[in-house]
Amino acid sequence: MDPLKQQIAGEITLAKSPGSAIKKWREIFGITQTELAAYLKITPSTISDYESDRRKSPGIVVVQRFVDALVDIDSKNGGWIAKRFAGEAKPDVYTVIDFSKPVDGKKFAEAINGTIITNKRRLPEIQLSGYSIVDSLRAILELPVEKFPNIYGSSSNRAVVFTHVDVGRSPMVAIRVTNPKPSIVVYQGLTKMDDPVARKISEVEKIPVILTQMDTPTIMDKLRGL
């Protein structure tokens, strides 16, 4: 199995909500439920049942058929999605995780024991579809600017947790000059944000900035409970 197929199959198989993972990858490939169902010779309602977890978790054979269908349909359309993933940075530069249901910003901040630095009033109105953990140092060195949006997965309506942050300027500058933009930015391990440029960008973009001292495995464990 090629690396991309392995990545997709592994994520679906290990996901707490396999249906959400299936939906995420279908949307990343830009394939409709109807198009996928026609290829697999099943009904669109069957796809819908899997994505909403109304059917029991799919077995490895079903997952394999789904993954093959995504890549085959993409190949017939020029293979642009597969090419995009083939050209991006190594997978451990960033990790994209989706929630099974929306999580509001305030609850997210509480879960990671976060200190809210800017735009605190916006947190209760933010509904997050997931979060991404990004190694900020490696992203700066290895991730081309045109690939930066890949950290958002299927939706930018998420929090981005930056690790290996010094003063917080570089991630905010990258966010300022690219689209789309995250709903929340988290600096892991940073005790304060004194950089005026980072703070100003946060205020202009109306993106709350949160600091947390939790290590990455603990953050992922706490958020898994949401």
Protein backbone atom coordinates (compact mmCIF):
# COMPACT_ATOMS: atom_id res chain seq x y z
CA MET A 1 0.00 0.00 0.00
CA ASP A 2 1.36 3.44 -0.87
CA PRO A 3 2.11 5.89 2.00
CA LEU A 4 -0.96 8.08 1.44
CA LYS A 5 -3.34 5.12 1.42
CA GLN A 6 -1.61 3.79 4.53
CA GLN A 7 -2.00 7.15 6.26
CA ILE A 8 -5.72 7.40 5.48
CA ALA A 9 -6.50 3.78 6.38
CA GLY A 10 -4.55 4.04 9.63
CA GLU A 11 -6.31 7.24 10.70
CA ILE A 12 -9.77 5.81 10.02
CA THR A 13 -9.03 2.52 11.75
CA LEU A 14 -7.59 4.16 14.89
CA ALA A 15 -10.02 7.08 15.09
CA LYS A 16 -12.39 7.38 18.04
CA SER A 17 -15.05 8.24 15.44
CA PRO A 18 -14.24 6.35 12.21
CA GLY A 19 -17.20 8.04 10.53
CA SER A 20 -15.80 11.51 11.16
CA ALA A 21 -12.45 10.39 9.74
CA ILE A 22 -14.15 8.98 6.64
CA LYS A 23 -16.05 12.24 6.11
CA LYS A 24 -12.90 14.30 6.65
CA TRP A 25 -10.93 12.44 3.97
CA ARG A 26 -13.83 12.40 1.51
CA GLU A 27 -14.08 16.20 1.84
CA ILE A 28 -10.31 16.65 1.55
CA PHE A 29 -10.49 14.84 -1.80
CA GLY A 30 -13.49 16.97 -2.82
CA ILE A 31 -15.67 13.94 -3.54
CA THR A 32 -19.42 13.98 -2.91
CA GLN A 33 -21.28 11.19 -1.14
CA THR A 34 -23.16 10.52 -4.38
CA GLU A 35 -19.95 10.28 -6.42
CA LEU A 36 -18.31 7.97 -3.90
CA ALA A 37 -21.41 5.80 -3.59
CA ALA A 38 -21.63 5.41 -7.38
CA TYR A 39 -18.00 4.30 -7.55
CA LEU A 40 -18.47 1.78 -4.73
CA LYS A 41 -21.85 0.66 -6.11
CA ILE A 42 -23.69 1.38 -2.86
CA THR A 43 -26.31 3.97 -1.93
CA PRO A 44 -25.43 7.51 -0.77
CA SER A 45 -27.41 6.80 2.41
CA THR A 46 -24.93 4.02 3.22
CA ILE A 47 -22.06 6.52 2.99
CA SER A 48 -24.07 8.90 5.18
CA ASP A 49 -24.68 6.15 7.75
CA TYR A 50 -20.96 5.38 7.97
CA GLU A 51 -19.99 9.06 8.28
CA SER A 52 -22.50 9.68 11.06
CA ASP A 53 -21.49 6.46 12.87
CA ARG A 54 -25.01 5.07 12.52
CA ARG A 55 -23.43 1.90 11.16
CA LYS A 56 -20.96 -0.10 13.22
CA SER A 57 -17.30 0.73 12.69
CA PRO A 58 -16.23 -0.40 9.20
CA GLY A 59 -13.94 -3.38 8.96
CA ILE A 60 -10.57 -3.34 7.22
CA VAL A 61 -12.11 -4.51 3.92
CA VAL A 62 -14.58 -1.61 3.87
CA VAL A 63 -11.86 0.86 4.83
CA GLN A 64 -9.59 -0.47 2.08
CA ARG A 65 -12.35 -0.10 -0.54
CA PHE A 66 -13.04 3.45 0.64
CA VAL A 67 -9.37 4.44 0.49
CA ASP A 68 -8.88 2.87 -2.93
CA ALA A 69 -11.97 4.70 -4.20
CA LEU A 70 -10.70 8.09 -3.03
CA VAL A 71 -7.33 7.67 -4.69
CA ASP A 72 -8.78 6.15 -7.88
CA ILE A 73 -11.37 8.92 -8.31
CA ASP A 74 -8.68 11.52 -7.63
CA SER A 75 -6.43 9.85 -10.21
CA LYS A 76 -9.16 10.07 -12.86
CA ASN A 77 -9.48 13.79 -12.05
CA GLY A 78 -5.76 14.42 -12.52
CA GLY A 79 -4.46 13.15 -9.18
CA TRP A 80 -4.10 16.66 -7.75
CA ILE A 81 -4.89 15.78 -4.14
CA ALA A 82 -2.45 12.85 -4.06
CA LYS A 83 0.20 15.07 -5.66
CA ARG A 84 -0.40 17.72 -3.00
CA PHE A 85 0.21 15.24 -0.21
CA ALA A 86 3.25 13.79 -1.96
CA GLY A 87 4.85 17.24 -2.01
CA GLU A 88 4.16 18.32 1.55
CA ALA A 89 6.52 18.20 4.52
CA LYS A 90 7.09 15.07 6.57
CA PRO A 91 3.90 14.03 8.43
CA ASP A 92 5.35 14.68 11.91
CA VAL A 93 5.69 18.40 11.17
CA TYR A 94 1.99 18.67 11.98
CA THR A 95 -0.87 16.49 13.18
CA VAL A 96 -4.50 17.20 12.30
CA ILE A 97 -7.22 15.89 14.64
CA ASP A 98 -10.99 16.37 14.31
CA PHE A 99 -13.55 16.37 17.11
CA SER A 100 -16.58 14.08 16.85
CA LYS A 101 -18.77 17.12 17.58
CA PRO A 102 -18.12 20.90 17.81
CA VAL A 103 -16.35 22.17 20.93
CA ASP A 104 -16.67 25.78 22.08
CA GLY A 105 -13.53 27.83 22.60
CA LYS A 106 -14.00 28.34 26.33
CA LYS A 107 -14.30 24.61 27.01
CA PHE A 108 -11.24 23.99 24.81
CA ALA A 109 -9.18 26.54 26.80
CA GLU A 110 -10.25 24.99 30.10
CA ALA A 111 -9.35 21.48 28.91
CA ILE A 112 -5.72 22.48 28.23
CA ASN A 113 -5.51 24.63 31.37
CA GLY A 114 -4.86 27.61 29.11
CA THR A 115 -4.12 31.22 29.92
CA ILE A 116 -6.01 33.48 27.51
CA ILE A 117 -3.81 36.33 26.31
CA THR A 118 -5.92 38.10 23.67
CA ASN A 119 -9.53 38.28 22.45
CA LYS A 120 -10.90 36.50 25.52
CA ARG A 121 -14.47 37.63 24.84
CA ARG A 122 -14.53 35.77 21.52
CA LEU A 123 -13.95 32.32 23.03
CA PRO A 124 -17.57 31.41 23.95
CA GLU A 125 -18.78 32.15 20.40
CA ILE A 126 -16.13 29.99 18.70
CA GLN A 127 -17.12 26.45 17.72
CA LEU A 128 -14.13 24.26 16.91
CA SER A 129 -14.27 21.29 14.55
CA GLY A 130 -10.85 20.09 15.70
CA TYR A 131 -7.27 21.09 16.36
CA SER A 132 -3.82 20.77 14.80
CA ILE A 133 -0.47 20.42 16.55
CA VAL A 134 2.34 22.08 14.60
CA ASP A 135 6.08 21.97 15.27
CA SER A 136 6.63 25.68 14.62
CA LEU A 137 10.40 25.39 14.14
CA ARG A 138 10.17 22.57 11.59
CA ALA A 139 7.21 24.21 9.86
CA ILE A 140 9.27 27.37 9.31
CA LEU A 141 12.23 25.38 7.98
CA GLU A 142 10.43 22.67 5.97
CA LEU A 143 6.93 23.83 5.06
CA PRO A 144 6.67 26.01 1.91
CA VAL A 145 4.29 28.93 2.37
CA GLU A 146 1.88 27.49 -0.22
CA LYS A 147 1.68 24.29 1.87
CA PHE A 148 0.93 26.09 5.15
CA PRO A 149 -2.89 25.79 4.70
CA ASN A 150 -2.51 22.00 4.84
CA ILE A 151 -2.20 22.24 8.64
CA TYR A 152 -5.95 22.89 8.75
CA GLY A 153 -6.98 19.59 7.19
CA SER A 154 -10.55 19.76 5.94
CA SER A 155 -11.52 22.90 7.90
CA SER A 156 -9.77 25.97 9.29
CA ASN A 157 -12.44 26.18 11.99
CA ARG A 158 -9.96 24.77 14.48
CA ALA A 159 -7.33 25.61 17.06
CA VAL A 160 -3.68 25.41 16.04
CA VAL A 161 -1.28 24.40 18.82
CA PHE A 162 2.25 25.55 18.05
CA THR A 163 5.14 23.76 19.81
CA HIS A 164 8.78 24.91 20.02
CA VAL A 165 7.79 28.57 20.14
CA ASP A 166 10.27 31.26 21.19
CA VAL A 167 8.37 34.58 21.33
CA GLY A 168 5.36 33.78 19.15
CA ARG A 169 6.04 36.12 16.26
CA SER A 170 6.79 33.68 13.41
CA PRO A 171 3.55 31.65 13.66
CA MET A 172 1.42 34.80 13.77
CA VAL A 173 3.25 36.33 10.80
CA ALA A 174 2.65 33.11 8.82
CA ILE A 175 -1.03 33.26 9.74
CA ARG A 176 -1.22 36.92 8.75
CA VAL A 177 0.11 36.36 5.22
CA THR A 178 -1.77 33.14 4.38
CA ASN A 179 -5.36 31.99 4.08
CA PRO A 180 -7.35 30.39 5.57
CA LYS A 181 -6.78 31.31 9.23
CA PRO A 182 -7.41 29.36 12.44
CA SER A 183 -10.08 30.20 14.99
CA ILE A 184 -7.67 29.94 17.94
CA VAL A 185 -3.87 29.90 18.31
CA VAL A 186 -2.20 28.07 21.20
CA TYR A 187 1.46 28.39 22.22
CA GLN A 188 2.61 25.30 24.04
CA GLY A 189 5.39 25.88 26.60
CA LEU A 190 5.46 29.68 26.27
CA THR A 191 5.04 31.39 29.67
CA LYS A 192 4.25 34.86 28.30
CA MET A 193 3.76 36.64 24.99
CA ASP A 194 5.66 39.92 25.06
CA ASP A 195 6.17 40.28 21.32
CA PRO A 196 4.15 43.36 20.22
CA VAL A 197 3.94 42.22 16.58
CA ALA A 198 2.41 38.85 17.49
CA ARG A 199 -0.04 40.53 19.84
CA LYS A 200 -1.02 43.16 17.25
CA ILE A 201 -1.63 40.52 14.54
CA SER A 202 -3.79 38.56 16.97
CA GLU A 203 -5.88 41.65 17.67
CA VAL A 204 -6.19 42.65 14.01
CA GLU A 205 -7.20 39.13 12.94
CA LYS A 206 -9.42 38.72 16.03
CA ILE A 207 -7.81 35.36 16.79
CA PRO A 208 -7.61 34.47 20.51
CA VAL A 209 -4.14 33.43 21.69
CA ILE A 210 -3.86 30.91 24.52
CA LEU A 211 -0.76 29.79 26.41
CA THR A 212 -0.49 26.31 27.94
CA GLN A 213 2.24 24.53 29.86
CA MET A 214 0.85 21.06 29.17
CA ASP A 215 3.09 18.78 27.14
CA THR A 216 1.77 17.51 23.81
CA PRO A 217 0.73 13.97 24.93
CA THR A 218 -1.23 15.47 27.85
CA ILE A 219 -2.92 18.01 25.58
CA MET A 220 -4.02 15.23 23.23
CA ASP A 221 -5.23 13.11 26.16
CA LYS A 222 -7.27 15.97 27.66
CA LEU A 223 -8.81 16.89 24.31
CA ARG A 224 -9.66 13.30 23.54
CA GLY A 225 -12.20 13.54 26.35
CA LEU A 226 -14.07 16.29 24.51
